Amino acid sequence: QVQLVESGGGLVQAGGSLRLSCIDSGTIFRINALGWYRQAPGKQREWVAIITMRGNTNYRDSVKGRFTISRDNAKNTVYLQMNSVKPEDAGVYYCNRGSAWGKGTLVTVSS
């Protein structure tokens, strides 16, 4: 059974940093792209960043230059380093691999 478990969310001041982690218990971690999504209250879930099996990355425009997605295949973990956080970055952040989703971790930004 695939299980994605996010952690690292919390309260951060605007301009601050936070690192999210997602542990993937699936056995095919290494051969899949992994992504981070987020959902703010009252809004649709949106894609934030993705990292391929080979480590290629892509980001939504609003987080480029501030967020960094990375993966540690030995630990079956994907990370999202969030720097220069803005109030509009607040929301529940979800880890995704294919059709599998974690339950999310909440990021709250104080201005």
Protein backbone atom coordinates (compact mmCIF):
# COMPACT_ATOMS: atom_id res chain seq x y z
CA GLN A 1 0.00 0.00 0.00
CA VAL A 2 1.40 3.32 -1.04
CA GLN A 3 1.73 5.82 1.73
CA LEU A 4 3.00 9.34 1.51
CA VAL A 5 3.51 11.18 4.78
CA GLU A 6 4.29 14.87 4.83
CA SER A 7 5.85 16.77 7.70
CA GLY A 8 7.55 20.06 8.43
CA GLY A 9 4.65 22.43 8.18
CA GLY A 10 4.02 25.07 10.78
CA LEU A 11 3.92 28.77 11.42
CA VAL A 12 6.50 30.90 9.64
CA GLN A 13 6.92 34.63 9.41
CA ALA A 14 6.75 36.25 6.02
CA GLY A 15 10.27 36.28 4.64
CA GLY A 16 11.22 33.23 6.63
CA SER A 17 12.02 29.67 5.63
CA LEU A 18 10.53 26.25 6.11
CA ARG A 19 11.44 22.80 4.87
CA LEU A 20 8.79 20.25 4.13
CA SER A 21 9.50 16.54 3.89
CA CYS A 22 7.56 13.67 2.42
CA ILE A 23 8.42 10.06 3.12
CA ASP A 24 7.20 7.63 0.51
CA SER A 25 6.70 4.06 1.65
CA GLY A 26 6.08 2.84 -1.87
CA THR A 27 8.53 0.50 -3.52
CA ILE A 28 8.77 2.44 -6.76
CA PHE A 29 9.92 5.75 -5.36
CA ARG A 30 13.03 5.83 -7.48
CA ILE A 31 11.32 5.47 -10.83
CA ASN A 32 8.66 8.10 -10.43
CA ALA A 33 8.37 11.82 -10.55
CA LEU A 34 7.32 13.42 -7.28
CA GLY A 35 5.46 16.62 -6.78
CA TRP A 36 4.29 19.09 -4.23
CA TYR A 37 0.88 20.70 -4.40
CA ARG A 38 -0.85 23.15 -2.11
CA GLN A 39 -4.36 24.23 -1.32
CA ALA A 40 -5.28 27.50 0.33
CA PRO A 41 -8.63 27.87 2.10
CA GLY A 42 -11.41 28.35 -0.41
CA LYS A 43 -9.14 27.72 -3.36
CA GLN A 44 -8.40 24.80 -5.62
CA ARG A 45 -5.38 22.63 -5.14
CA GLU A 46 -2.50 23.86 -7.26
CA TRP A 47 0.74 22.38 -8.40
CA VAL A 48 3.88 23.86 -6.82
CA ALA A 49 6.90 21.85 -7.92
CA ILE A 50 7.95 18.58 -9.45
CA ILE A 51 11.13 16.53 -9.56
CA THR A 52 11.71 13.70 -12.01
CA MET A 53 13.49 10.43 -11.46
CA ARG A 54 16.63 11.98 -12.90
CA GLY A 55 16.39 15.05 -10.70
CA ASN A 56 15.03 17.49 -13.24
CA THR A 57 12.85 20.08 -11.58
CA ASN A 58 10.13 22.50 -12.49
CA TYR A 59 8.21 25.10 -10.50
CA ARG A 60 5.16 27.23 -10.79
CA ASP A 61 6.14 30.76 -11.63
CA SER A 62 5.16 32.26 -8.29
CA VAL A 63 7.67 30.14 -6.35
CA LYS A 64 10.58 30.12 -8.79
CA GLY A 65 13.75 31.34 -7.14
CA ARG A 66 12.28 30.86 -3.67
CA PHE A 67 11.37 27.17 -3.40
CA THR A 68 13.60 24.20 -4.08
CA ILE A 69 12.41 20.64 -4.50
CA SER A 70 14.87 17.82 -3.95
CA ARG A 71 14.84 14.10 -3.35
CA ASP A 72 16.88 11.57 -1.47
CA ASN A 73 16.29 8.22 -3.11
CA ALA A 74 18.16 6.38 -0.37
CA LYS A 75 15.65 7.72 2.15
CA ASN A 76 12.59 7.60 -0.12
CA THR A 77 12.08 11.22 0.75
CA VAL A 78 11.26 14.34 -1.20
CA TYR A 79 11.78 17.80 0.23
CA LEU A 80 10.49 21.26 -0.43
CA GLN A 81 12.72 24.04 0.83
CA MET A 82 10.68 27.20 1.08
CA ASN A 83 12.58 30.47 1.37
CA SER A 84 11.36 34.07 1.37
CA VAL A 85 7.94 32.78 2.23
CA LYS A 86 5.01 35.04 1.40
CA PRO A 87 1.50 35.16 2.90
CA GLU A 88 0.13 33.76 -0.35
CA ASP A 89 2.22 30.61 0.17
CA ALA A 90 0.02 29.59 3.08
CA GLY A 91 -2.04 26.46 2.76
CA VAL A 92 -1.98 22.73 3.10
CA TYR A 93 0.91 21.22 1.20
CA TYR A 94 0.51 17.78 -0.30
CA CYS A 95 3.02 15.32 -1.62
CA ASN A 96 2.09 13.46 -4.79
CA ARG A 97 3.33 10.47 -6.73
CA GLY A 98 1.10 9.43 -9.57
CA SER A 99 -2.32 8.74 -8.13
CA ALA A 100 -1.05 8.68 -4.56
CA TRP A 101 -1.45 11.61 -2.21
CA GLY A 102 -0.40 12.32 1.32
CA LYS A 103 -2.72 13.86 3.89
CA GLY A 104 -0.89 17.15 3.78
CA THR A 105 0.95 19.43 6.14
CA LEU A 106 -0.27 22.91 7.02
CA VAL A 107 1.84 25.99 6.37
CA THR A 108 0.72 29.19 8.03
CA VAL A 109 2.40 32.47 7.21
CA SER A 110 2.27 35.44 9.53
CA SER A 111 2.75 38.88 8.03
